[in-house]
Protein backbone atom coordinates (compact mmCIF):
# COMPACT_ATOMS: atom_id res chain seq x y z
CA MET A 1 91.94 27.73 -33.94
CA ASN A 2 89.25 30.12 -34.35
CA ASN A 3 88.03 28.13 -37.42
CA MET A 4 87.96 24.81 -35.43
CA ILE A 5 85.83 26.69 -32.76
CA SER A 6 83.62 27.99 -35.28
CA LYS A 7 83.11 24.31 -36.71
CA VAL A 8 82.56 23.13 -33.08
CA LEU A 9 79.66 25.69 -32.41
CA LYS A 10 77.91 25.17 -35.82
CA LEU A 11 78.00 21.51 -35.09
CA ILE A 12 76.46 22.18 -31.31
CA SER A 13 73.93 24.59 -32.95
CA VAL A 14 72.71 22.19 -35.59
CA ASN A 15 72.33 19.46 -33.14
CA LEU A 16 71.05 21.45 -29.97
CA GLY A 17 69.29 24.30 -31.59
CA GLY A 18 65.91 22.89 -31.72
CA LEU A 19 66.27 20.91 -28.81
CA PRO A 20 63.53 23.26 -26.69
CA LYS A 21 61.14 22.80 -29.34
CA LYS A 22 61.70 18.89 -29.56
CA LEU A 23 61.38 18.64 -25.84
CA ALA A 24 58.18 20.80 -26.00
CA ASN A 25 56.63 18.79 -28.86
CA ALA A 26 57.44 15.54 -27.00
CA SER A 27 55.76 16.59 -23.84
CA MET A 28 52.57 17.57 -25.49
CA TYR A 29 52.45 14.20 -27.59
CA PHE A 30 53.04 12.32 -24.31
CA SER A 31 50.43 14.68 -22.53
CA ALA A 32 47.81 13.94 -25.31
CA SER A 33 48.59 10.05 -24.87
CA LEU A 34 48.16 10.23 -21.14
CA VAL A 35 44.65 11.74 -21.57
CA GLN A 36 43.49 8.60 -22.99
CA VAL A 37 44.83 6.69 -19.85
CA VAL A 38 43.42 9.24 -17.53
CA VAL A 39 40.05 9.10 -18.99
CA GLY A 40 40.15 5.36 -18.93
CA LEU A 41 41.26 5.43 -15.21
CA ILE A 42 38.21 7.75 -14.52
CA LEU A 43 35.73 5.74 -16.06
CA SER A 44 37.08 2.39 -14.82
CA PRO A 45 35.12 2.82 -11.41
CA ILE A 46 32.10 4.24 -12.92
CA LEU A 47 31.61 1.50 -15.36
CA SER A 48 32.66 -1.13 -12.62
CA MET A 49 29.40 0.35 -10.57
CA HIS A 50 26.97 0.41 -13.52
CA LEU A 51 28.01 -2.36 -15.41
CA GLY A 52 27.55 -6.40 -14.60
CA HIS A 53 29.58 -9.17 -15.81
CA ARG A 54 27.40 -9.79 -18.93
CA ASP A 55 27.72 -6.13 -19.82
CA PHE A 56 31.53 -6.60 -19.73
CA ALA A 57 31.39 -9.82 -21.50
CA ILE A 58 28.85 -8.31 -24.26
CA VAL A 59 31.27 -5.46 -25.15
CA GLY A 60 34.50 -7.56 -24.83
CA TYR A 61 33.00 -10.03 -27.39
CA PHE A 62 31.85 -7.58 -29.95
CA ASN A 63 34.99 -5.32 -29.66
CA SER A 64 37.15 -8.75 -30.30
CA PHE A 65 36.12 -8.54 -34.04
CA ASN A 66 37.20 -5.07 -34.35
CA ALA A 67 40.82 -6.49 -34.92
CA LEU A 68 39.34 -8.29 -38.06
CA PHE A 69 37.25 -5.52 -39.36
CA VAL A 70 39.47 -2.29 -38.85
CA PRO A 71 41.96 -3.39 -41.46
CA LEU A 72 38.96 -4.09 -43.91
CA THR A 73 37.51 -0.41 -43.37
CA SER A 74 40.81 1.38 -43.14
CA PHE A 75 42.57 -0.65 -45.91
CA THR A 76 45.72 0.24 -43.73
CA LEU A 77 46.23 3.36 -45.68
CA SER A 78 48.29 5.04 -42.84
CA SER A 79 51.23 2.57 -43.46
CA PHE A 80 51.33 3.96 -47.15
CA TYR A 81 50.90 7.48 -46.01
CA GLY A 82 53.78 7.08 -43.30
CA LYS A 83 55.99 5.48 -45.76
CA HIS A 84 55.76 8.26 -48.09
CA TYR A 85 55.24 11.20 -46.25
CA PHE A 86 58.84 12.37 -45.97
CA VAL A 87 59.85 11.66 -49.38
CA VAL A 88 57.37 13.50 -51.31
CA ASN A 89 56.96 17.14 -52.00
CA GLN A 90 54.15 19.42 -50.42
CA ALA A 91 51.82 19.13 -53.30
CA GLN A 92 51.99 15.48 -53.61
CA ARG A 93 51.40 15.07 -49.87
CA GLU A 94 48.33 17.06 -50.10
CA ASN A 95 46.99 15.20 -53.16
CA MET A 96 47.83 11.83 -51.17
CA ARG A 97 46.28 13.07 -47.73
CA LYS A 98 42.92 14.02 -49.69
CA THR A 99 42.63 10.76 -51.57
CA ILE A 100 43.32 8.41 -48.64
CA ALA A 101 40.79 10.52 -46.53
CA SER A 102 38.10 9.82 -49.52
CA THR A 103 39.20 6.36 -49.61
CA LEU A 104 38.41 6.08 -46.11
CA LEU A 105 35.04 7.40 -46.12
CA VAL A 106 33.56 6.20 -49.71
CA PHE A 107 35.10 2.75 -49.61
CA GLY A 108 35.07 2.44 -45.83
CA LEU A 109 31.30 2.78 -45.86
CA ALA A 110 30.70 0.09 -48.33
CA SER A 111 33.06 -2.35 -46.78
CA THR A 112 31.12 -1.82 -43.70
CA VAL A 113 27.91 -2.57 -45.31
CA VAL A 114 29.47 -6.05 -46.53
CA ILE A 115 30.77 -6.82 -42.88
CA LEU A 116 27.44 -6.00 -41.11
CA ALA A 117 25.88 -8.44 -43.65
CA ILE A 118 28.05 -11.30 -43.29
CA PHE A 119 28.32 -10.83 -39.43
CA TRP A 120 24.70 -11.26 -39.23
CA VAL A 121 24.71 -14.37 -41.04
CA TYR A 122 27.71 -15.56 -38.72
CA THR A 123 25.28 -14.66 -35.62
CA ARG A 124 22.63 -16.86 -37.00
CA LEU A 125 25.15 -19.83 -37.68
CA TYR A 126 26.93 -19.40 -34.27
CA ASP A 127 24.67 -18.76 -31.37
CA THR A 128 26.74 -17.11 -28.34
CA GLY A 129 23.77 -15.76 -26.30
CA TYR A 130 24.65 -11.94 -27.57
CA GLY A 131 22.08 -10.83 -30.30
CA PHE A 132 23.12 -9.07 -33.69
CA PHE A 133 20.94 -6.12 -32.73
CA PRO A 134 21.86 -3.46 -31.44
CA TYR A 135 25.37 -4.41 -30.36
CA ALA A 136 26.75 -5.24 -33.80
CA LEU A 137 25.29 -2.02 -35.27
CA LEU A 138 26.69 -0.12 -32.52
CA CYS A 139 29.84 -1.19 -32.47
CA TYR A 140 30.79 -1.68 -36.27
CA SER A 141 29.11 1.04 -37.92
CA ASN A 142 31.32 3.74 -36.35
CA LEU A 143 34.73 2.02 -37.76
CA VAL A 144 34.85 4.44 -40.87
CA PHE A 145 34.53 7.46 -38.87
CA SER A 146 36.97 6.16 -36.11
CA ASN A 147 39.49 5.39 -38.92
CA ILE A 148 39.24 8.87 -40.62
CA TYR A 149 39.71 10.51 -36.97
CA ALA A 150 42.88 8.29 -36.45
CA PHE A 151 44.29 9.29 -39.78
CA TYR A 152 44.00 12.73 -38.88
CA LEU A 153 45.80 12.13 -35.58
CA LEU A 154 48.65 10.52 -37.84
CA ASN A 155 48.89 13.37 -40.19
CA LEU A 156 49.34 15.77 -37.14
CA ARG A 157 52.01 13.56 -35.74
CA LEU A 158 53.65 13.41 -38.85
CA SER A 159 53.56 17.14 -39.42
CA LYS A 160 54.76 17.53 -36.02
CA LYS A 161 51.75 19.80 -35.23
CA ALA A 162 51.98 18.97 -31.38
CA THR A 163 49.82 21.46 -29.91
CA ASN A 164 46.92 20.59 -32.24
CA PHE A 165 47.45 17.06 -31.44
CA LEU A 166 47.06 17.64 -27.88
CA TRP A 167 43.91 19.86 -27.98
CA VAL A 168 42.17 17.24 -30.34
CA ASN A 169 43.01 14.50 -27.97
CA ILE A 170 41.62 16.30 -25.08
CA ALA A 171 38.29 17.28 -26.98
CA HIS A 172 37.80 13.75 -28.12
CA HIS A 173 38.43 12.20 -24.85
CA GLY A 174 36.59 14.59 -22.95
CA ALA A 175 33.60 14.12 -25.19
CA TYR A 176 34.14 10.32 -24.81
CA LEU A 177 34.05 10.56 -21.07
CA LEU A 178 30.75 12.79 -21.01
CA ALA A 179 29.23 10.29 -23.32
CA MET A 180 30.21 7.04 -21.15
CA ILE A 181 28.82 8.84 -18.13
CA LEU A 182 25.63 9.89 -19.54
CA LEU A 183 24.70 6.59 -21.56
CA CYS A 184 26.06 4.06 -18.79
CA ALA A 185 25.96 5.76 -15.50
CA VAL A 186 22.98 8.31 -15.93
CA LEU A 187 20.78 6.46 -18.60
CA LYS A 188 21.87 3.06 -17.43
CA PHE A 189 21.93 1.52 -21.00
CA GLY A 190 24.40 -1.00 -19.98
CA ALA A 191 26.50 -2.83 -22.71
CA ALA A 192 24.44 -0.94 -25.48
CA GLY A 193 25.19 2.36 -23.67
CA SER A 194 28.99 1.61 -23.73
CA LEU A 195 29.02 0.89 -27.41
CA ALA A 196 26.99 3.75 -28.32
CA GLY A 197 29.37 6.26 -26.46
CA THR A 198 32.00 5.20 -28.37
CA SER A 199 29.99 5.33 -31.67
CA VAL A 200 28.34 8.55 -31.16
CA VAL A 201 31.90 10.38 -30.31
CA SER A 202 33.58 8.38 -33.55
CA LEU A 203 30.85 9.81 -35.85
CA VAL A 204 31.06 13.44 -34.68
CA PHE A 205 34.70 13.64 -34.58
CA GLY A 206 35.19 11.32 -37.88
CA LEU A 207 33.14 13.76 -39.96
CA PHE A 208 34.35 16.81 -38.57
CA PHE A 209 37.95 15.94 -39.50
CA PHE A 210 37.13 14.73 -42.59
CA PHE A 211 36.36 18.09 -43.73
CA LYS A 212 39.69 19.33 -42.29
CA LEU A 213 41.54 16.57 -44.30
CA THR A 214 40.04 17.30 -47.63
CA ASP A 215 37.35 20.14 -48.87
CA ARG A 216 35.67 17.25 -51.13
CA ILE A 217 35.75 13.72 -52.25
CA ARG A 218 38.98 13.22 -54.24
CA LEU A 219 40.16 9.88 -55.62
CA ASP A 220 43.46 10.15 -57.52
CA LYS A 221 43.47 6.73 -59.52
CA LYS A 222 47.40 6.61 -59.43
CA ILE A 223 47.81 7.45 -55.91
CA LEU A 224 44.75 4.97 -55.14
CA LYS A 225 46.28 2.09 -57.33
CA ASP A 226 49.70 2.71 -55.88
CA ALA A 227 48.32 2.53 -52.30
CA LEU A 228 46.28 -0.59 -52.60
CA ARG A 229 49.36 -2.24 -54.40
CA PHE A 230 51.25 -1.41 -51.44
CA CYS A 231 48.55 -2.25 -48.95
CA TRP A 232 46.77 -5.29 -49.83
CA PRO A 233 49.20 -7.67 -48.23
CA LEU A 234 49.11 -5.44 -45.00
CA ILE A 235 45.19 -5.55 -45.32
CA LEU A 236 45.38 -9.49 -45.06
CA ALA A 237 48.06 -9.19 -42.48
CA GLY A 238 46.01 -6.94 -40.44
CA CYS A 239 42.91 -9.45 -40.76
CA ILE A 240 45.37 -11.99 -39.37
CA ASP A 241 45.79 -10.16 -36.52
CA TYR A 242 42.30 -11.27 -35.27
CA PHE A 243 43.87 -14.77 -34.58
CA THR A 244 46.03 -12.66 -31.62
CA ASN A 245 43.63 -9.94 -30.54
CA GLY A 246 40.37 -11.38 -31.03
CA VAL A 247 39.75 -15.35 -31.94
CA ASP A 248 40.19 -15.98 -27.95
CA ARG A 249 37.00 -14.13 -26.97
CA ALA A 250 35.16 -15.84 -29.80
CA MET A 251 36.26 -19.29 -28.78
CA LEU A 252 35.52 -18.44 -24.94
CA ALA A 253 31.78 -17.04 -25.96
CA GLY A 254 31.21 -20.77 -26.85
CA PHE A 255 31.19 -21.83 -22.88
CA LYS A 256 28.27 -19.20 -22.34
CA ASP A 257 30.03 -18.22 -19.01
CA ASP A 258 29.08 -14.42 -18.61
CA VAL A 259 30.91 -14.26 -15.46
CA ASN A 260 34.28 -15.48 -16.47
CA LEU A 261 34.11 -13.86 -19.92
CA GLY A 262 33.34 -10.45 -18.06
CA LEU A 263 36.44 -10.85 -15.63
CA TYR A 264 38.41 -11.86 -18.95
CA SER A 265 37.29 -8.47 -20.91
CA ILE A 266 37.93 -6.40 -17.51
CA ALA A 267 41.39 -7.88 -17.56
CA LEU A 268 41.91 -7.37 -21.28
CA ARG A 269 40.92 -3.74 -20.34
CA PHE A 270 43.41 -3.14 -17.79
CA SER A 271 46.40 -4.76 -19.70
CA GLY A 272 44.93 -1.99 -22.39
CA TYR A 273 45.70 0.48 -20.19
CA ILE A 274 49.36 -0.69 -19.85
CA TYR A 275 49.78 -0.64 -23.43
CA MET A 276 48.45 2.78 -23.44
CA PHE A 277 51.43 4.06 -21.35
CA TYR A 278 53.56 2.10 -23.95
CA ALA A 279 51.68 4.04 -26.68
CA ALA A 280 52.03 7.33 -25.17
CA ILE A 281 56.12 6.75 -25.17
CA SER A 282 56.10 5.46 -28.70
CA MET A 283 53.47 7.93 -30.21
CA THR A 284 55.93 10.65 -28.95
CA LEU A 285 58.80 8.98 -30.92
CA GLU A 286 56.97 7.71 -33.84
CA PRO A 287 57.72 10.47 -36.11
CA ASP A 288 61.71 10.41 -35.46
CA PHE A 289 61.34 6.74 -35.74
CA PHE A 290 59.66 6.79 -39.33
CA GLN A 291 62.12 9.76 -40.01
CA ALA A 292 65.16 7.51 -39.02
CA LEU A 293 64.02 4.62 -41.00
CA SER A 294 63.10 6.30 -44.20
CA THR A 295 66.44 8.37 -44.32
CA LYS A 296 68.51 5.25 -43.13
CA ARG A 297 69.69 6.76 -39.93
CA TYR A 298 70.11 3.13 -38.33
CA GLY A 299 71.70 3.82 -35.20
CA ARG A 300 69.14 6.34 -34.03
CA MET A 301 66.52 3.92 -34.98
CA VAL A 302 68.19 1.35 -32.89
CA LYS A 303 68.32 3.48 -29.99
CA ILE A 304 64.66 4.58 -29.91
CA SER A 305 63.66 1.07 -30.21
CA LEU A 306 65.61 0.07 -27.17
CA GLY A 307 64.25 3.04 -25.05
CA LEU A 308 60.94 1.98 -26.08
CA ILE A 309 61.26 -1.58 -25.05
CA LEU A 310 63.05 -0.54 -21.69
CA MET A 311 60.16 1.83 -20.61
CA ASN A 312 57.93 -0.86 -21.31
CA LEU A 313 59.62 -3.51 -19.27
CA LEU A 314 59.43 -0.96 -16.57
CA VAL A 315 55.64 -0.24 -16.71
CA VAL A 316 54.75 -4.11 -17.05
CA GLY A 317 56.83 -4.98 -13.89
CA ALA A 318 55.22 -2.24 -11.54
CA PHE A 319 51.72 -3.31 -12.88
CA VAL A 320 52.53 -7.16 -12.30
CA VAL A 321 53.37 -6.09 -8.73
CA ALA A 322 50.67 -3.84 -8.00
CA ALA A 323 47.68 -5.57 -9.97
CA PRO A 324 45.20 -6.67 -7.10
CA LEU A 325 45.79 -3.43 -5.56
CA ILE A 326 45.03 -1.36 -8.76
CA LEU A 327 42.13 -3.46 -9.65
CA LYS A 328 40.51 -3.44 -6.07
CA ILE A 329 40.69 0.69 -6.46
CA LEU A 330 39.78 1.10 -9.88
CA THR A 331 36.93 -1.37 -10.07
CA VAL A 332 35.79 -0.37 -6.23
CA GLY A 333 36.13 -3.79 -5.25
CA ARG A 334 33.60 -5.43 -7.52
CA TYR A 335 36.05 -7.45 -10.01
CA THR A 336 39.19 -7.87 -8.13
CA ALA A 337 39.25 -11.42 -9.24
CA ALA A 338 40.41 -10.34 -12.67
CA SER A 339 43.56 -9.60 -11.32
CA ARG A 340 45.31 -12.83 -11.91
CA LEU A 341 44.15 -12.60 -15.66
CA ALA A 342 45.41 -9.12 -15.92
CA ARG A 343 48.82 -10.07 -14.45
CA ILE A 344 49.41 -12.66 -17.10
CA MET A 345 47.82 -10.45 -19.96
CA ALA A 346 50.33 -7.44 -18.98
CA LEU A 347 53.20 -9.56 -19.97
CA LYS A 348 52.01 -9.68 -23.47
CA ASN A 349 52.86 -6.06 -24.04
CA ILE A 350 56.55 -6.95 -23.89
CA SER A 351 56.46 -9.38 -26.65
CA ALA A 352 53.80 -6.94 -28.57
CA SER A 353 56.34 -3.99 -28.37
CA VAL A 354 58.91 -5.92 -29.66
CA PHE A 355 56.88 -7.15 -32.64
CA PHE A 356 55.28 -4.05 -33.32
CA ILE A 357 58.94 -2.53 -33.91
CA ILE A 358 60.04 -5.31 -36.40
CA SER A 359 56.69 -5.19 -38.21
CA THR A 360 57.15 -1.53 -38.57
CA VAL A 361 60.82 -1.90 -40.08
CA ILE A 362 59.27 -4.52 -42.33
CA ILE A 363 56.40 -2.30 -43.70
CA ILE A 364 58.57 1.01 -43.96
CA LYS A 365 61.36 -1.10 -46.01
CA GLY A 366 58.56 -2.22 -48.41
CA TYR A 367 58.46 -5.81 -47.63
CA THR A 368 54.71 -5.87 -47.57
CA LYS A 369 54.51 -9.24 -48.77
CA VAL A 370 57.09 -10.62 -46.25
CA ALA A 371 54.72 -8.93 -43.44
CA LEU A 372 51.74 -10.85 -44.80
CA ILE A 373 53.54 -14.43 -45.33
CA ASN A 374 55.11 -14.04 -41.86
CA LYS A 375 51.72 -13.32 -40.31
CA ILE A 376 50.05 -16.29 -42.19
CA VAL A 377 52.83 -18.64 -40.87
CA ALA A 378 52.42 -17.36 -37.42
CA ALA A 379 48.77 -17.48 -37.34
CA VAL A 380 48.81 -21.12 -38.04
CA PHE A 381 50.88 -21.63 -34.83
CA VAL A 382 48.81 -19.00 -32.79
CA SER A 383 45.40 -20.56 -33.86
CA SER A 384 46.36 -23.92 -32.90
CA LEU A 385 47.71 -22.69 -29.51
CA PHE A 386 44.59 -20.63 -28.72
CA ARG A 387 42.65 -23.98 -29.38
CA PHE A 388 44.81 -26.23 -27.28
CA LEU A 389 45.33 -23.75 -24.30
CA ILE A 390 41.59 -22.81 -24.22
CA SER A 391 40.52 -26.57 -24.69
CA LYS A 392 43.03 -27.20 -21.61
CA TYR A 393 42.75 -24.29 -19.52
CA GLN A 394 39.89 -22.07 -20.69
CA PHE A 395 40.13 -18.51 -19.54
CA GLU A 396 43.50 -18.78 -18.06
CA GLY A 397 44.70 -20.51 -21.20
CA ALA A 398 43.45 -17.78 -23.03
CA ALA A 399 45.38 -15.23 -21.15
CA TRP A 400 48.63 -17.02 -21.54
CA GLY A 401 47.94 -17.63 -25.47
CA GLN A 402 47.78 -13.63 -25.84
CA VAL A 403 51.31 -13.64 -24.32
CA LEU A 404 52.71 -16.47 -26.17
CA SER A 405 50.89 -15.49 -29.54
CA TYR A 406 52.96 -12.37 -29.81
CA VAL A 407 56.22 -14.38 -28.78
CA VAL A 408 55.52 -16.57 -32.08
CA PHE A 409 54.89 -13.53 -34.02
CA THR A 410 57.81 -11.88 -33.13
CA LEU A 411 60.21 -14.84 -33.77
CA VAL A 412 58.76 -15.44 -37.10
CA SER A 413 58.76 -11.70 -38.07
CA GLY A 414 62.53 -11.29 -36.73
CA LEU A 415 63.48 -14.46 -39.04
CA PHE A 416 61.97 -13.13 -42.02
CA LEU A 417 63.62 -9.59 -41.75
CA VAL A 418 66.89 -11.10 -40.96
CA TYR A 419 66.56 -13.27 -44.16
CA LYS A 420 65.31 -10.11 -46.46
CA LEU A 421 68.16 -8.01 -45.00
CA ALA A 422 70.76 -11.04 -45.61
CA GLN A 423 69.50 -11.46 -49.02
CA LYS A 424 69.59 -7.86 -49.95
CA LYS A 425 73.22 -7.69 -48.86
CA ARG A 426 74.21 -10.70 -50.77
CA LEU A 427 73.01 -9.08 -54.16
CA LYS A 428 74.73 -5.99 -53.50
CA SER A 429 77.76 -7.85 -52.90
CA ALA A 430 77.25 -10.10 -55.97
């Protein structure tokens, strides 16, 4: 009897002993993510008062290409790092971290030069009324440093340094808030000020945290080779995401309708705030999700996934109901007309959350080529879908295209994952 009680107490201790620390860490991750939401909500009325329809249209148009350019400058190395973080020793992990940080800086800068050159040619061939200078330089020259900063945050999350993660987020978003107020509200630089605010903050924080990640440029050839072999399909797959997150604004820019493109960009910004709430929750649970998947604790992984989807449904539902009031307050009554588009775009967060979970499983399981193939298949349908909806219904059609595109990506990814898992099971039983 005493032996049985001892075993029960030991079991409880193992499962609940670290609970206070886990709850404290979770609250700090959640708070760190909410900082971004709060800063966005504070900035919304300020930007609404000092930016016009054309300013929002310009910022939305140039930011749309980030979906295409980020994978080409980040090389999706974070996925490689997340996959191997829990299965290598400390020395290997440190070497991997330094190599990835160095790659992001050296190869990222080279990639940025090529991107800017190609985009300059694109702007000469396709006239949207928005010039290359200064907007493209301000928007894309910061990608390298933004990627380094994002990688530093990932390293903090995976190492479960929640306190550091919280303070870094507070410092970053505080600096961003001040930069945007100075450049947009005080100096009134308009769209250029908005893009410059992001660029300056990314540059400062990216450089600072680069030297926190590594003390020098270090490129381990074996790690780099393994990483690029793992990541090249993800780079291409990431670029294909442009057909979900960017091509709509490139198509809409052809109408040269600054007012409606401005409203569309505002609606997209507010649907992004909804995603931030989901990201705040998912980021809190991300290390546990990676660990559960890497260590094959599938029951725990399913529970985390269902919890994320349920929370997302609740947040999206609340926004859809209150969207007109929210936009009236947060845009000081200037851009309430964007509420209809915002309601539609908010729905994409539901399908997107399911897709991101399935996509993460595919990547961590090592099916990177599958991720590329399903993105290619889905992109063919999605690009045709956008073209049809925009030609028929213009801006509202594009909003519905965002929702339906993630439905397509989710269905195709789910089918590929089921097929690969069934194939693996057949091979084991053979």
